[in-house]
Amino acid sequence: MVQRFLFIVCIALLVSYEIGFNSLFIILLLLPLTVQDKDIDRIRGTSRQEWFTNTFVLLVIVIMGIISTFLFQANDALHAWAQKQPFYIDANAFMASIPYNDGSIFWLRDLSSSDPLYDVYVIGFIAVYLLYAVYAYVTANRETLVRLLFINWLVHAVIALPFYLFFNVHEVWSTIGYDWGHIPYTVKNCFPSLHTSVAFSCMLLALRENKRFAAFWGLYSALIIFTTLYLRIHWVLDVAGGLVLGWILYWIANAFAPMILARLAVRDAVRVSGRVLPHSLPVTAAKREVIQRLNR
């Protein structure tokens, strides 16, 4: 039990590097409100080897988040190269010409960098899936952990990168000349909205959990999507593109997660038994049995 606690502390510190201690502290306080008896039973039934494997999966998720941060910090150099390419498109005039595309119906008041929803926007970008990953790890929910490998900022960012580089769409506030103190990496990464895609895919994934967690995470994700329009950052079409991207990656996660889960289950079984599976035992059949159990 002490080893498991130390694992959780180490992971919490690493996650805090990306999302801040305040966000992690809040989610850990809310954790007891969403954990049910079946979650506790799953925690108690998780072996030491399974905890080790879950730790590895969570570390991969966290490292993917850190890599994606460095990727976006190279925005200026990437855009300088993209602007010289013949298929570079400046779509700002097009976006501004569409009625209500600026999301003005969500502009409830004037803004400043001290607006409380600005923190939701900044922290929520990464926290929406890293906090979810911490929740899944603490409750020993490997199925969710593995699906979060596909619903990750890095995955969204890599898919959206061609749009960001060659389909130039500036943030709304910069296009309309409304300077409220927002300091982004760049104002050119708009279509599709990754805030929306990550939050929406996590929202869909949360529906697989218990009702209390789904309600909490659904509200949190919806608030993140709302802030992108409220803060004059994303166009309505950006949000629409983000919804499509989020749904696609959620579908991909459901399609490929069972195969990875089956491989991990077989790996754990081999390590716990302390011996190599005999050649006479078809590993593919074992994997198929695990997949069928997971899909029931």
C-alpha atoms as a PDB file:
ATOM      1  CA  MET A   1       0.000   0.000   0.000  1.00  0.00           C
ATOM      2  CA  VAL A   2       2.897   2.359   0.790  1.00  0.00           C
ATOM      3  CA  GLN A   3       4.426   1.725  -2.629  1.00  0.00           C
ATOM      4  CA  ARG A   4       1.137   2.508  -4.344  1.00  0.00           C
ATOM      5  CA  PHE A   5       0.808   5.746  -2.369  1.00  0.00           C
ATOM      6  CA  LEU A   6       4.332   6.811  -3.350  1.00  0.00           C
ATOM      7  CA  PHE A   7       3.524   6.028  -6.985  1.00  0.00           C
ATOM      8  CA  ILE A   8       0.486   8.307  -6.836  1.00  0.00           C
ATOM      9  CA  VAL A   9       2.490  11.111  -5.190  1.00  0.00           C
ATOM     10  CA  CYS A  10       5.234  10.925  -7.843  1.00  0.00           C
ATOM     11  CA  ILE A  11       2.700  10.945 -10.677  1.00  0.00           C
ATOM     12  CA  ALA A  12       0.844  13.848  -9.059  1.00  0.00           C
ATOM     13  CA  LEU A  13       4.056  15.885  -8.910  1.00  0.00           C
ATOM     14  CA  LEU A  14       4.821  15.162 -12.567  1.00  0.00           C
ATOM     15  CA  VAL A  15       1.292  16.065 -13.668  1.00  0.00           C
ATOM     16  CA  SER A  16       1.508  19.268 -11.608  1.00  0.00           C
ATOM     17  CA  TYR A  17       4.443  20.351 -13.755  1.00  0.00           C
ATOM     18  CA  GLU A  18       2.011  20.726 -16.639  1.00  0.00           C
ATOM     19  CA  ILE A  19      -1.264  21.832 -15.046  1.00  0.00           C
ATOM     20  CA  GLY A  20      -0.323  23.424 -11.716  1.00  0.00           C
ATOM     21  CA  PHE A  21      -0.876  22.259  -8.157  1.00  0.00           C
ATOM     22  CA  ASN A  22      -4.157  24.137  -7.743  1.00  0.00           C
ATOM     23  CA  SER A  23      -5.937  22.168 -10.470  1.00  0.00           C
ATOM     24  CA  LEU A  24      -4.607  18.838  -9.233  1.00  0.00           C
ATOM     25  CA  PHE A  25      -5.589  19.670  -5.638  1.00  0.00           C
ATOM     26  CA  ILE A  26      -9.158  20.544  -6.682  1.00  0.00           C
ATOM     27  CA  ILE A  27      -9.679  17.321  -8.625  1.00  0.00           C
ATOM     28  CA  LEU A  28      -8.308  15.195  -5.778  1.00  0.00           C
ATOM     29  CA  LEU A  29     -10.719  16.912  -3.389  1.00  0.00           C
ATOM     30  CA  LEU A  30     -13.614  16.125  -5.732  1.00  0.00           C
ATOM     31  CA  LEU A  31     -12.473  12.547  -6.252  1.00  0.00           C
ATOM     32  CA  PRO A  32     -14.446  11.065  -3.306  1.00  0.00           C
ATOM     33  CA  LEU A  33     -17.644  12.601  -4.703  1.00  0.00           C
ATOM     34  CA  THR A  34     -17.399  10.619  -7.930  1.00  0.00           C
ATOM     35  CA  VAL A  35     -15.889   7.306  -6.785  1.00  0.00           C
ATOM     36  CA  GLN A  36     -18.458   4.530  -6.341  1.00  0.00           C
ATOM     37  CA  ASP A  37     -18.369   1.103  -4.711  1.00  0.00           C
ATOM     38  CA  LYS A  38     -17.454  -0.620  -7.993  1.00  0.00           C
ATOM     39  CA  ASP A  39     -14.422   1.688  -8.289  1.00  0.00           C
ATOM     40  CA  ILE A  40     -13.298   0.765  -4.785  1.00  0.00           C
ATOM     41  CA  ASP A  41     -13.736  -2.933  -5.558  1.00  0.00           C
ATOM     42  CA  ARG A  42     -11.637  -2.495  -8.709  1.00  0.00           C
ATOM     43  CA  ILE A  43      -8.890  -0.743  -6.733  1.00  0.00           C
ATOM     44  CA  ARG A  44      -8.788  -3.536  -4.164  1.00  0.00           C
ATOM     45  CA  GLY A  45      -8.714  -6.189  -6.873  1.00  0.00           C
ATOM     46  CA  THR A  46      -5.803  -4.637  -8.773  1.00  0.00           C
ATOM     47  CA  SER A  47      -2.537  -6.540  -8.393  1.00  0.00           C
ATOM     48  CA  ARG A  48       0.865  -4.981  -7.905  1.00  0.00           C
ATOM     49  CA  GLN A  49       1.858  -5.869 -11.483  1.00  0.00           C
ATOM     50  CA  GLU A  50      -1.293  -4.176 -12.802  1.00  0.00           C
ATOM     51  CA  TRP A  51      -0.428  -1.034 -10.832  1.00  0.00           C
ATOM     52  CA  PHE A  52       3.040  -1.040 -12.407  1.00  0.00           C
ATOM     53  CA  THR A  53       1.514  -1.332 -15.877  1.00  0.00           C
ATOM     54  CA  ASN A  54      -1.030   1.411 -15.166  1.00  0.00           C
ATOM     55  CA  THR A  55       1.803   3.651 -13.970  1.00  0.00           C
ATOM     56  CA  PHE A  56       3.633   3.117 -17.255  1.00  0.00           C
ATOM     57  CA  VAL A  57       0.509   4.048 -19.255  1.00  0.00           C
ATOM     58  CA  LEU A  58      -0.018   7.203 -17.183  1.00  0.00           C
ATOM     59  CA  LEU A  59       3.631   8.218 -17.632  1.00  0.00           C
ATOM     60  CA  VAL A  60       3.237   7.886 -21.403  1.00  0.00           C
ATOM     61  CA  ILE A  61       0.179  10.158 -21.283  1.00  0.00           C
ATOM     62  CA  VAL A  62       2.005  12.780 -19.226  1.00  0.00           C
ATOM     63  CA  ILE A  63       5.099  12.676 -21.450  1.00  0.00           C
ATOM     64  CA  MET A  64       2.893  13.098 -24.531  1.00  0.00           C
ATOM     65  CA  GLY A  65       1.488  16.244 -22.946  1.00  0.00           C
ATOM     66  CA  ILE A  66       4.957  17.627 -22.248  1.00  0.00           C
ATOM     67  CA  ILE A  67       6.105  16.901 -25.812  1.00  0.00           C
ATOM     68  CA  SER A  68       3.072  18.685 -27.233  1.00  0.00           C
ATOM     69  CA  THR A  69       3.906  21.767 -25.162  1.00  0.00           C
ATOM     70  CA  PHE A  70       7.376  21.964 -26.725  1.00  0.00           C
ATOM     71  CA  LEU A  71       5.842  21.392 -30.160  1.00  0.00           C
ATOM     72  CA  PHE A  72       3.643  24.466 -29.853  1.00  0.00           C
ATOM     73  CA  GLN A  73       6.495  26.566 -28.521  1.00  0.00           C
ATOM     74  CA  ALA A  74       8.080  26.150 -31.980  1.00  0.00           C
ATOM     75  CA  ASN A  75       5.090  27.827 -33.636  1.00  0.00           C
ATOM     76  CA  ASP A  76       6.877  30.909 -34.950  1.00  0.00           C
ATOM     77  CA  ALA A  77       9.515  28.944 -36.827  1.00  0.00           C
ATOM     78  CA  LEU A  78       6.932  26.550 -38.270  1.00  0.00           C
ATOM     79  CA  HIS A  79       4.676  29.360 -39.457  1.00  0.00           C
ATOM     80  CA  ALA A  80       7.596  31.254 -41.000  1.00  0.00           C
ATOM     81  CA  TRP A  81       8.285  28.183 -43.118  1.00  0.00           C
ATOM     82  CA  ALA A  82       4.605  27.534 -43.935  1.00  0.00           C
ATOM     83  CA  GLN A  83       4.011  31.070 -45.230  1.00  0.00           C
ATOM     84  CA  LYS A  84       6.548  30.484 -47.984  1.00  0.00           C
ATOM     85  CA  GLN A  85       4.701  27.438 -49.340  1.00  0.00           C
ATOM     86  CA  PRO A  86       2.449  27.772 -52.438  1.00  0.00           C
ATOM     87  CA  PHE A  87      -0.546  26.089 -50.766  1.00  0.00           C
ATOM     88  CA  TYR A  88      -0.602  28.507 -47.812  1.00  0.00           C
ATOM     89  CA  ILE A  89      -4.111  30.047 -47.451  1.00  0.00           C
ATOM     90  CA  ASP A  90      -5.032  33.187 -45.524  1.00  0.00           C
ATOM     91  CA  ALA A  91      -8.616  32.513 -44.404  1.00  0.00           C
ATOM     92  CA  ASN A  92      -9.088  35.438 -42.021  1.00  0.00           C
ATOM     93  CA  ALA A  93     -11.227  37.525 -44.363  1.00  0.00           C
ATOM     94  CA  PHE A  94     -13.387  34.490 -45.088  1.00  0.00           C
ATOM     95  CA  MET A  95     -13.937  33.725 -41.394  1.00  0.00           C
ATOM     96  CA  ALA A  96     -14.774  37.338 -40.597  1.00  0.00           C
ATOM     97  CA  SER A  97     -17.269  37.559 -43.458  1.00  0.00           C
ATOM     98  CA  ILE A  98     -19.554  34.809 -42.087  1.00  0.00           C
ATOM     99  CA  PRO A  99     -22.438  36.249 -40.016  1.00  0.00           C
ATOM    100  CA  TYR A 100     -22.232  35.415 -36.281  1.00  0.00           C
ATOM    101  CA  ASN A 101     -19.107  33.341 -36.874  1.00  0.00           C
ATOM    102  CA  ASP A 102     -17.277  35.539 -34.365  1.00  0.00           C
ATOM    103  CA  GLY A 103     -19.400  34.085 -31.547  1.00  0.00           C
ATOM    104  CA  SER A 104     -20.561  37.536 -30.475  1.00  0.00           C
ATOM    105  CA  ILE A 105     -23.689  36.096 -28.866  1.00  0.00           C
ATOM    106  CA  PHE A 106     -21.386  34.698 -26.161  1.00  0.00           C
ATOM    107  CA  TRP A 107     -19.698  38.042 -25.424  1.00  0.00           C
ATOM    108  CA  LEU A 108     -21.306  38.662 -22.067  1.00  0.00           C
ATOM    109  CA  ARG A 109     -19.017  41.511 -20.938  1.00  0.00           C
ATOM    110  CA  ASP A 110     -15.712  43.295 -21.568  1.00  0.00           C
ATOM    111  CA  LEU A 111     -12.611  41.250 -20.855  1.00  0.00           C
ATOM    112  CA  SER A 112      -9.300  41.491 -19.053  1.00  0.00           C
ATOM    113  CA  SER A 113      -6.523  38.982 -18.395  1.00  0.00           C
ATOM    114  CA  SER A 114      -7.798  38.721 -14.798  1.00  0.00           C
ATOM    115  CA  ASP A 115     -11.141  37.298 -15.926  1.00  0.00           C
ATOM    116  CA  PRO A 116     -11.726  34.068 -13.923  1.00  0.00           C
ATOM    117  CA  LEU A 117     -12.747  32.178 -17.063  1.00  0.00           C
ATOM    118  CA  TYR A 118      -9.344  32.943 -18.558  1.00  0.00           C
ATOM    119  CA  ASP A 119      -7.813  30.513 -16.031  1.00  0.00           C
ATOM    120  CA  VAL A 120     -10.307  27.873 -17.139  1.00  0.00           C
ATOM    121  CA  TYR A 121      -9.200  28.414 -20.733  1.00  0.00           C
ATOM    122  CA  VAL A 122      -5.447  28.296 -20.019  1.00  0.00           C
ATOM    123  CA  ILE A 123      -5.383  25.468 -17.491  1.00  0.00           C
ATOM    124  CA  GLY A 124      -8.212  23.519 -19.083  1.00  0.00           C
ATOM    125  CA  PHE A 125      -6.325  22.967 -22.313  1.00  0.00           C
ATOM    126  CA  ILE A 126      -4.080  20.311 -20.792  1.00  0.00           C
ATOM    127  CA  ALA A 127      -5.821  19.649 -17.479  1.00  0.00           C
ATOM    128  CA  VAL A 128      -8.983  18.325 -19.106  1.00  0.00           C
ATOM    129  CA  TYR A 129      -7.285  15.037 -20.013  1.00  0.00           C
ATOM    130  CA  LEU A 130      -4.360  14.942 -17.550  1.00  0.00           C
ATOM    131  CA  LEU A 131      -6.693  15.319 -14.578  1.00  0.00           C
ATOM    132  CA  TYR A 132      -8.922  12.676 -16.107  1.00  0.00           C
ATOM    133  CA  ALA A 133      -5.866  10.451 -16.423  1.00  0.00           C
ATOM    134  CA  VAL A 134      -5.034  10.958 -12.730  1.00  0.00           C
ATOM    135  CA  TYR A 135      -8.617  10.026 -11.853  1.00  0.00           C
ATOM    136  CA  ALA A 136      -8.440   6.879 -13.995  1.00  0.00           C
ATOM    137  CA  TYR A 137      -5.085   5.946 -12.481  1.00  0.00           C
ATOM    138  CA  VAL A 138      -6.172   6.418  -8.866  1.00  0.00           C
ATOM    139  CA  THR A 139      -9.315   4.343  -9.472  1.00  0.00           C
ATOM    140  CA  ALA A 140      -7.300   1.654 -11.349  1.00  0.00           C
ATOM    141  CA  ASN A 141      -9.429   2.176 -14.462  1.00  0.00           C
ATOM    142  CA  ARG A 142      -7.086   0.861 -17.126  1.00  0.00           C
ATOM    143  CA  GLU A 143      -9.735   0.913 -19.850  1.00  0.00           C
ATOM    144  CA  THR A 144     -10.031   4.682 -19.518  1.00  0.00           C
ATOM    145  CA  LEU A 145      -6.268   5.166 -19.194  1.00  0.00           C
ATOM    146  CA  VAL A 146      -5.608   3.383 -22.477  1.00  0.00           C
ATOM    147  CA  ARG A 147      -8.353   5.309 -24.287  1.00  0.00           C
ATOM    148  CA  LEU A 148      -6.770   8.536 -23.044  1.00  0.00           C
ATOM    149  CA  LEU A 149      -3.667   7.618 -25.021  1.00  0.00           C
ATOM    150  CA  PHE A 150      -5.732   8.432 -28.112  1.00  0.00           C
ATOM    151  CA  ILE A 151      -7.560  11.397 -26.548  1.00  0.00           C
ATOM    152  CA  ASN A 152      -4.439  13.389 -25.817  1.00  0.00           C
ATOM    153  CA  TRP A 153      -3.323  16.909 -26.677  1.00  0.00           C
ATOM    154  CA  LEU A 154      -0.368  15.596 -28.667  1.00  0.00           C
ATOM    155  CA  VAL A 155      -2.589  13.382 -30.840  1.00  0.00           C
ATOM    156  CA  HIS A 156      -5.018  16.250 -31.483  1.00  0.00           C
ATOM    157  CA  ALA A 157      -2.147  18.646 -32.168  1.00  0.00           C
ATOM    158  CA  VAL A 158      -0.406  16.384 -34.694  1.00  0.00           C
ATOM    159  CA  ILE A 159      -3.637  15.864 -36.647  1.00  0.00           C
ATOM    160  CA  ALA A 160      -4.475  19.591 -36.559  1.00  0.00           C
ATOM    161  CA  LEU A 161      -0.932  20.756 -37.395  1.00  0.00           C
ATOM    162  CA  PRO A 162      -1.419  20.855 -41.206  1.00  0.00           C
ATOM    163  CA  PHE A 163      -4.480  23.078 -40.742  1.00  0.00           C
ATOM    164  CA  TYR A 164      -2.577  25.353 -38.363  1.00  0.00           C
ATOM    165  CA  LEU A 165       0.352  25.729 -40.713  1.00  0.00           C
ATOM    166  CA  PHE A 166      -1.373  26.091 -44.081  1.00  0.00           C
ATOM    167  CA  PHE A 167      -4.891  27.320 -43.248  1.00  0.00           C
ATOM    168  CA  ASN A 168      -4.138  30.622 -41.549  1.00  0.00           C
ATOM    169  CA  VAL A 169      -6.903  31.642 -39.127  1.00  0.00           C
ATOM    170  CA  HIS A 170      -6.147  34.251 -36.476  1.00  0.00           C
ATOM    171  CA  GLU A 171      -7.866  34.467 -33.115  1.00  0.00           C
ATOM    172  CA  VAL A 172     -11.055  36.526 -33.141  1.00  0.00           C
ATOM    173  CA  TRP A 173      -9.870  39.259 -30.785  1.00  0.00           C
ATOM    174  CA  SER A 174      -6.772  39.959 -32.903  1.00  0.00           C
ATOM    175  CA  THR A 175      -8.805  40.065 -36.123  1.00  0.00           C
ATOM    176  CA  ILE A 176     -11.365  42.562 -34.799  1.00  0.00           C
ATOM    177  CA  GLY A 177      -8.754  44.636 -32.968  1.00  0.00           C
ATOM    178  CA  TYR A 178      -9.930  43.904 -29.414  1.00  0.00           C
ATOM    179  CA  ASP A 179      -6.806  43.743 -27.221  1.00  0.00           C
ATOM    180  CA  TRP A 180      -7.649  42.494 -23.721  1.00  0.00           C
ATOM    181  CA  GLY A 181      -4.206  41.297 -22.601  1.00  0.00           C
ATOM    182  CA  HIS A 182      -4.308  37.702 -23.787  1.00  0.00           C
ATOM    183  CA  ILE A 183      -0.750  36.502 -24.492  1.00  0.00           C
ATOM    184  CA  PRO A 184      -0.827  33.237 -26.505  1.00  0.00           C
ATOM    185  CA  TYR A 185       1.998  31.255 -28.095  1.00  0.00           C
ATOM    186  CA  THR A 186       0.634  32.522 -31.403  1.00  0.00           C
ATOM    187  CA  VAL A 187      -2.650  33.945 -32.701  1.00  0.00           C
ATOM    188  CA  LYS A 188      -2.610  31.748 -35.823  1.00  0.00           C
ATOM    189  CA  ASN A 189      -3.543  28.348 -34.351  1.00  0.00           C
ATOM    190  CA  CYS A 190      -7.325  28.468 -34.519  1.00  0.00           C
ATOM    191  CA  PHE A 191      -8.915  25.948 -36.865  1.00  0.00           C
ATOM    192  CA  PRO A 192      -9.826  23.475 -35.517  1.00  0.00           C
ATOM    193  CA  SER A 193     -10.133  24.422 -31.847  1.00  0.00           C
ATOM    194  CA  LEU A 194      -8.058  21.982 -29.805  1.00  0.00           C
ATOM    195  CA  HIS A 195      -9.648  23.249 -26.609  1.00  0.00           C
ATOM    196  CA  THR A 196     -12.931  22.052 -28.063  1.00  0.00           C
ATOM    197  CA  SER A 197     -11.689  18.772 -29.529  1.00  0.00           C
ATOM    198  CA  VAL A 198      -9.873  17.629 -26.376  1.00  0.00           C
ATOM    199  CA  ALA A 199     -12.720  18.691 -24.074  1.00  0.00           C
ATOM    200  CA  PHE A 200     -15.403  17.108 -26.264  1.00  0.00           C
ATOM    201  CA  SER A 201     -13.617  13.773 -26.649  1.00  0.00           C
ATOM    202  CA  CYS A 202     -13.052  13.658 -22.880  1.00  0.00           C
ATOM    203  CA  MET A 203     -16.722  14.488 -22.377  1.00  0.00           C
ATOM    204  CA  LEU A 204     -17.719  11.557 -24.585  1.00  0.00           C
ATOM    205  CA  LEU A 205     -15.313   9.295 -22.739  1.00  0.00           C
ATOM    206  CA  ALA A 206     -16.742  10.412 -19.378  1.00  0.00           C
ATOM    207  CA  LEU A 207     -20.159   9.112 -20.416  1.00  0.00           C
ATOM    208  CA  ARG A 208     -18.704   5.617 -20.024  1.00  0.00           C
ATOM    209  CA  GLU A 209     -18.111   6.323 -16.322  1.00  0.00           C
ATOM    210  CA  ASN A 210     -20.652   6.596 -13.524  1.00  0.00           C
ATOM    211  CA  LYS A 211     -23.320   9.295 -13.709  1.00  0.00           C
ATOM    212  CA  ARG A 212     -21.776  11.532 -11.058  1.00  0.00           C
ATOM    213  CA  PHE A 213     -18.420  11.651 -12.773  1.00  0.00           C
ATOM    214  CA  ALA A 214     -20.028  12.081 -16.197  1.00  0.00           C
ATOM    215  CA  ALA A 215     -22.053  15.062 -14.920  1.00  0.00           C
ATOM    216  CA  PHE A 216     -19.012  16.698 -13.291  1.00  0.00           C
ATOM    217  CA  TRP A 217     -16.711  16.174 -16.255  1.00  0.00           C
ATOM    218  CA  GLY A 218     -19.394  17.110 -18.760  1.00  0.00           C
ATOM    219  CA  LEU A 219     -19.891  20.491 -17.075  1.00  0.00           C
ATOM    220  CA  TYR A 220     -16.143  21.070 -16.864  1.00  0.00           C
ATOM    221  CA  SER A 221     -15.642  20.240 -20.548  1.00  0.00           C
ATOM    222  CA  ALA A 222     -18.618  22.356 -21.635  1.00  0.00           C
ATOM    223  CA  LEU A 223     -17.207  25.299 -19.677  1.00  0.00           C
ATOM    224  CA  ILE A 224     -13.869  24.992 -21.492  1.00  0.00           C
ATOM    225  CA  ILE A 225     -15.624  25.022 -24.876  1.00  0.00           C
ATOM    226  CA  PHE A 226     -17.720  28.022 -23.829  1.00  0.00           C
ATOM    227  CA  THR A 227     -14.634  30.025 -22.813  1.00  0.00           C
ATOM    228  CA  THR A 228     -13.154  29.750 -26.322  1.00  0.00           C
ATOM    229  CA  LEU A 229     -16.080  31.815 -27.638  1.00  0.00           C
ATOM    230  CA  TYR A 230     -16.608  33.997 -24.585  1.00  0.00           C
ATOM    231  CA  LEU A 231     -12.954  35.121 -24.614  1.00  0.00           C
ATOM    232  CA  ARG A 232     -13.125  36.081 -28.331  1.00  0.00           C
ATOM    233  CA  ILE A 233     -10.456  33.476 -29.158  1.00  0.00           C
ATOM    234  CA  HIS A 234     -12.110  30.952 -31.476  1.00  0.00           C
ATOM    235  CA  TRP A 235     -14.577  31.368 -34.306  1.00  0.00           C
ATOM    236  CA  VAL A 236     -17.749  29.285 -34.339  1.00  0.00           C
ATOM    237  CA  LEU A 237     -16.340  27.265 -37.261  1.00  0.00           C
ATOM    238  CA  ASP A 238     -13.227  26.574 -35.172  1.00  0.00           C
ATOM    239  CA  VAL A 239     -15.438  25.078 -32.484  1.00  0.00           C
ATOM    240  CA  ALA A 240     -17.387  23.058 -35.075  1.00  0.00           C
ATOM    241  CA  GLY A 241     -14.129  21.662 -36.457  1.00  0.00           C
ATOM    242  CA  GLY A 242     -13.006  20.834 -32.927  1.00  0.00           C
ATOM    243  CA  LEU A 243     -16.215  18.904 -32.256  1.00  0.00           C
ATOM    244  CA  VAL A 244     -15.663  16.804 -35.386  1.00  0.00           C
ATOM    245  CA  LEU A 245     -12.017  16.128 -34.494  1.00  0.00           C
ATOM    246  CA  GLY A 246     -12.950  15.207 -30.927  1.00  0.00           C
ATOM    247  CA  TRP A 247     -15.592  12.735 -32.087  1.00  0.00           C
ATOM    248  CA  ILE A 248     -13.189  11.130 -34.587  1.00  0.00           C
ATOM    249  CA  LEU A 249     -10.495  10.559 -31.957  1.00  0.00           C
ATOM    250  CA  TYR A 250     -13.050   9.218 -29.492  1.00  0.00           C
ATOM    251  CA  TRP A 251     -14.122   6.714 -32.156  1.00  0.00           C
ATOM    252  CA  ILE A 252     -10.489   5.780 -32.819  1.00  0.00           C
ATOM    253  CA  ALA A 253      -9.898   5.303 -29.082  1.00  0.00           C
ATOM    254  CA  ASN A 254     -12.824   2.900 -28.821  1.00  0.00           C
ATOM    255  CA  ALA A 255     -11.691   1.027 -31.929  1.00  0.00           C
ATOM    256  CA  PHE A 256      -8.065   0.438 -30.912  1.00  0.00           C
ATOM    257  CA  ALA A 257      -8.125   0.429 -27.098  1.00  0.00           C
ATOM    258  CA  PRO A 258      -9.365  -3.196 -26.764  1.00  0.00           C
ATOM    259  CA  MET A 259      -6.338  -4.519 -28.675  1.00  0.00           C
ATOM    260  CA  ILE A 260      -3.894  -2.630 -26.448  1.00  0.00           C
ATOM    261  CA  LEU A 261      -5.791  -3.664 -23.318  1.00  0.00           C
ATOM    262  CA  ALA A 262      -5.619  -7.281 -24.408  1.00  0.00           C
ATOM    263  CA  ARG A 263      -1.853  -7.072 -24.946  1.00  0.00           C
ATOM    264  CA  LEU A 264      -1.366  -5.500 -21.505  1.00  0.00           C
ATOM    265  CA  ALA A 265      -3.571  -8.133 -19.855  1.00  0.00           C
ATOM    266  CA  VAL A 266      -1.575 -10.958 -21.425  1.00  0.00           C
ATOM    267  CA  ARG A 267       1.672  -9.244 -20.439  1.00  0.00           C
ATOM    268  CA  ASP A 268       0.540  -8.920 -16.825  1.00  0.00           C
ATOM    269  CA  ALA A 269      -0.607 -12.538 -16.721  1.00  0.00           C
ATOM    270  CA  VAL A 270       2.784 -13.724 -17.954  1.00  0.00           C
ATOM    271  CA  ARG A 271       4.709 -11.600 -15.455  1.00  0.00           C
ATOM    272  CA  VAL A 272       2.506 -12.664 -12.536  1.00  0.00           C
ATOM    273  CA  SER A 273       2.863 -16.358 -13.426  1.00  0.00           C
ATOM    274  CA  GLY A 274       6.620 -15.934 -13.630  1.00  0.00           C
ATOM    275  CA  ARG A 275       7.008 -17.987 -16.779  1.00  0.00           C
ATOM    276  CA  VAL A 276       6.807 -17.619 -20.542  1.00  0.00           C
ATOM    277  CA  LEU A 277       3.658 -18.852 -22.254  1.00  0.00           C
ATOM    278  CA  PRO A 278       4.296 -22.205 -23.985  1.00  0.00           C
ATOM    279  CA  HIS A 279       4.370 -22.241 -27.749  1.00  0.00           C
ATOM    280  CA  SER A 280       1.365 -24.518 -27.777  1.00  0.00           C
ATOM    281  CA  LEU A 281      -0.815 -21.775 -26.293  1.00  0.00           C
ATOM    282  CA  PRO A 282      -1.956 -19.376 -29.032  1.00  0.00           C
ATOM    283  CA  VAL A 283      -1.419 -15.890 -27.652  1.00  0.00           C
ATOM    284  CA  THR A 284      -3.786 -14.447 -30.228  1.00  0.00           C
ATOM    285  CA  ALA A 285      -6.599 -16.571 -28.802  1.00  0.00           C
ATOM    286  CA  ALA A 286      -5.829 -15.275 -25.315  1.00  0.00           C
ATOM    287  CA  LYS A 287      -5.934 -11.735 -26.599  1.00  0.00           C
ATOM    288  CA  ARG A 288      -9.192 -12.397 -28.401  1.00  0.00           C
ATOM    289  CA  GLU A 289     -10.748 -13.688 -25.171  1.00  0.00           C
ATOM    290  CA  VAL A 290      -9.717 -10.535 -23.292  1.00  0.00           C
ATOM    291  CA  ILE A 291     -11.084  -8.309 -26.070  1.00  0.00           C
ATOM    292  CA  GLN A 292     -14.426 -10.113 -25.965  1.00  0.00           C
ATOM    293  CA  ARG A 293     -14.595  -9.650 -22.197  1.00  0.00           C
ATOM    294  CA  LEU A 294     -13.825  -5.932 -22.486  1.00  0.00           C
ATOM    295  CA  ASN A 295     -16.479  -5.388 -25.152  1.00  0.00           C
ATOM    296  CA  ARG A 296     -19.276  -7.052 -23.173  1.00  0.00           C
END
